[in-house]
Protein backbone atom coordinates (compact mmCIF):
# COMPACT_ATOMS: atom_id res chain seq x y z
CA LYS A 1 0.00 0.00 0.00
CA ILE A 2 1.48 3.34 -1.10
CA SER A 3 0.41 6.75 0.13
CA ALA A 4 -0.51 9.21 -2.63
CA GLY A 5 1.53 11.91 -0.93
CA TYR A 6 1.44 14.73 1.55
CA ASP A 7 2.23 18.41 1.96
CA LEU A 8 3.66 19.96 5.09
CA VAL A 9 4.10 23.69 5.77
CA ALA A 10 5.85 25.12 8.83
CA SER A 11 5.47 28.87 9.19
CA ALA A 12 6.39 31.58 11.68
CA GLY A 13 5.46 35.23 11.43
CA TYR A 14 5.23 38.52 13.24
CA ALA A 15 3.06 41.63 12.81
CA GLU A 16 2.95 44.92 14.63
CA ARG A 17 1.55 48.43 14.52
CA VAL A 18 4.41 50.59 13.28
CA GLY A 19 2.93 54.03 13.41
CA MET A 20 -0.01 56.40 13.28
CA THR A 21 -0.67 59.32 10.95
CA PRO A 22 -2.99 62.08 12.21
CA ILE A 23 -5.10 63.86 9.60
CA GLU A 24 -6.71 67.17 10.50
CA THR A 25 -9.85 68.37 8.74
CA PRO A 26 -12.02 71.37 9.65
CA GLY A 27 -13.75 70.42 12.87
CA LYS A 28 -12.50 66.80 13.05
CA SER A 29 -9.27 64.83 13.27
CA TYR A 30 -8.67 61.25 12.18
CA ASN A 31 -5.90 58.78 12.96
CA ILE A 32 -4.65 56.24 10.45
CA ASN A 33 -2.90 53.25 12.04
CA HIS A 34 -0.18 51.46 10.05
CA PHE A 35 0.61 47.76 10.53
CA ILE A 36 3.20 45.55 8.83
CA GLY A 37 3.83 41.85 9.09
CA ALA A 38 6.03 39.14 7.63
CA ALA A 39 6.27 35.38 7.79
CA GLY A 40 8.74 32.76 6.65
CA LYS A 41 7.82 29.20 5.78
CA ILE A 42 9.28 25.88 4.75
CA ILE A 43 7.20 23.72 2.42
CA ARG A 44 7.78 19.98 2.06
CA SER A 45 5.85 17.88 -0.44
CA SER A 46 5.95 14.16 -1.19
CA LEU A 47 4.44 12.23 -4.11
CA ALA A 48 3.73 8.50 -4.01
CA GLU A 49 6.39 8.00 -1.30
CA ARG A 50 9.07 8.16 -4.02
CA TYR A 51 9.57 11.82 -4.82
CA SER A 52 9.90 14.77 -2.51
CA ALA A 53 10.73 18.46 -2.71
CA THR A 54 11.36 21.31 -0.30
CA ALA A 55 11.08 25.05 -0.80
CA VAL A 56 11.49 28.15 1.34
CA ALA A 57 9.14 31.12 0.96
CA ALA A 58 8.11 34.39 2.59
CA ASP A 59 4.92 36.40 3.00
CA ALA A 60 4.67 40.13 3.78
CA GLY A 61 1.79 42.52 4.33
CA TYR A 62 0.72 46.07 5.13
CA LEU A 63 -2.56 47.31 6.65
CA ALA A 64 -3.80 50.90 6.98
CA GLN A 65 -6.79 51.32 9.28
CA CYS A 66 -8.81 54.38 10.26
CA PRO A 67 -11.05 53.32 13.18
CA ASP A 68 -12.81 56.71 13.27
CA LEU A 69 -14.11 56.20 9.72
CA GLY A 70 -14.38 52.38 9.86
CA VAL A 71 -12.15 52.04 6.80
CA ALA A 72 -9.26 49.61 6.24
CA LEU A 73 -7.01 48.92 3.25
CA GLY A 74 -4.47 46.10 3.04
CA PHE A 75 -1.85 44.68 0.69
CA ALA A 76 0.00 41.37 0.91
CA ALA A 77 2.48 39.30 -1.07
CA ALA A 78 2.49 35.55 -0.48
CA ASN A 79 4.66 32.60 -1.45
CA LEU A 80 7.65 34.66 -2.49
CA GLY A 81 10.53 32.26 -2.84
CA GLY A 82 11.96 29.23 -4.53
CA LYS A 83 10.61 26.40 -6.60
CA MET A 84 9.46 22.89 -5.72
CA ARG A 85 11.87 20.56 -7.55
CA PHE A 86 10.78 16.95 -8.04
CA VAL A 87 13.50 14.87 -9.77
CA GLU A 88 14.23 16.93 -12.92
CA SER A 89 11.26 19.28 -13.18
CA SER A 90 10.60 22.21 -10.90
CA ASP A 91 7.47 24.23 -10.34
CA PRO A 92 7.35 27.75 -8.90
CA LEU A 93 5.34 28.38 -5.78
CA PRO A 94 2.01 30.17 -6.41
CA ALA A 95 3.37 33.69 -5.84
CA THR A 96 0.38 35.91 -5.16
CA ILE A 97 -0.33 39.60 -4.55
CA ARG A 98 -3.50 40.44 -2.64
CA MET A 99 -5.31 43.69 -1.98
CA GLY A 100 -8.47 44.35 0.00
CA ALA A 101 -10.59 47.11 1.45
CA SER A 102 -13.38 47.20 4.01
CA TYR A 103 -15.85 49.62 5.52
CA LEU A 104 -17.46 49.11 8.96
CA TYR A 105 -20.93 50.63 9.34
CA LYS A 106 -22.55 50.69 12.79
CA PRO A 107 -26.24 51.54 12.35
CA ARG A 108 -27.03 50.83 16.04
CA PRO A 109 -25.00 49.82 19.10
CA LEU A 110 -25.73 46.06 18.82
CA HIS A 111 -25.26 45.85 15.04
CA ASP A 112 -22.11 45.84 12.89
CA LEU A 113 -22.18 45.71 9.12
CA ILE A 114 -18.93 45.29 7.20
CA PHE A 115 -18.67 45.73 3.43
CA ALA A 116 -15.53 44.34 1.80
CA ALA A 117 -13.88 43.82 -1.57
CA ASP A 118 -10.65 42.03 -2.37
CA GLY A 119 -8.62 40.77 -5.25
CA ASP A 120 -5.55 38.70 -5.90
CA PHE A 121 -3.19 38.16 -8.79
CA LEU A 122 -1.38 34.84 -9.32
CA PHE A 123 1.91 35.74 -11.00
CA HIS A 124 2.80 32.50 -12.76
CA ASP A 125 -0.75 31.73 -13.92
CA ARG A 126 -1.42 35.38 -14.87
CA LEU A 127 -4.88 35.15 -13.26
CA TRP A 128 -6.94 37.74 -11.41
CA HIS A 129 -9.60 36.83 -8.85
CA THR A 130 -11.95 39.25 -7.14
CA ALA A 131 -14.68 39.04 -4.54
CA VAL A 132 -17.14 41.34 -2.81
CA GLY A 133 -19.11 40.67 0.32
CA MET A 134 -20.70 41.81 3.52
CA GLU A 135 -20.80 40.60 7.09
CA TYR A 136 -23.52 41.36 9.62
CA PHE A 137 -22.64 40.85 13.29
CA TRP A 138 -25.23 41.06 16.06
CA ASN A 139 -24.17 41.93 19.60
CA LYS A 140 -20.53 41.03 18.76
CA LEU A 141 -21.66 37.41 19.10
CA PHE A 142 -23.38 36.01 15.96
CA GLY A 143 -22.23 36.73 12.42
CA PHE A 144 -23.66 36.11 8.96
CA ARG A 145 -21.63 36.53 5.74
CA LEU A 146 -22.73 36.85 2.14
CA GLY A 147 -20.43 37.31 -0.85
CA TRP A 148 -19.84 36.85 -4.55
CA GLN A 149 -16.70 35.53 -6.29
CA PHE A 150 -15.61 36.56 -9.77
CA ASN A 151 -13.18 34.94 -12.24
CA ARG A 152 -12.79 31.66 -10.32
CA SER A 153 -13.56 28.09 -11.25
CA THR A 154 -16.40 28.18 -8.69
CA LEU A 155 -18.12 31.44 -9.55
CA GLY A 156 -20.93 32.81 -7.54
CA LEU A 157 -22.46 33.05 -4.15
CA THR A 158 -20.60 32.40 -0.90
CA VAL A 159 -22.29 32.18 2.51
CA GLY A 160 -20.88 31.85 6.01
CA LEU A 161 -21.73 31.96 9.70
CA GLY A 162 -19.66 32.96 12.70
CA LEU A 163 -19.75 32.87 16.47
CA GLN A 164 -17.53 35.01 18.67
CA TRP A 165 -17.06 34.42 22.39
CA LYS A 166 -16.03 37.41 24.55
CA GLN A 167 -14.05 38.83 21.59
CA ARG A 168 -11.35 36.20 22.26
CA SER A 169 -12.46 33.05 20.49
CA THR A 170 -14.03 32.83 17.06
CA PHE A 171 -15.71 29.99 15.20
CA ASP A 172 -16.34 30.53 11.46
């Protein structure tokens, strides 16, 4: 009996707020928080217990967030690194650039409504993917998500539920 194969990824990362930019407008001031993060990973893959390959990669990201306006904008680069080489052929890792934006609307104290849009670009495949969606959270406890994916093999509607316990534990 031969195993078809396995993939193993070990990753470690760190992220932190690196600064704040105040913006003054007539009668109001806003603060934009800046966050950056990075991670390194080792990827090991095995095929039919006969062939294996290892690659090293990195991820990096930036997030700008204005809590006063409920707006956030983020960028990330993932799987930047080497190739997976099995015997004589090698395949590049799926290097990807992602970008996303969100807006938090609070119509009443117990209700949160988040609107979001994101997109990614797969370098080696030269493919774009995009998605839009919204999340409704009641009492910071129960969440419902609804979205739509574009330019993917599984186009269309996405739905999700979430449960948050004391803003420490989340089940999605």
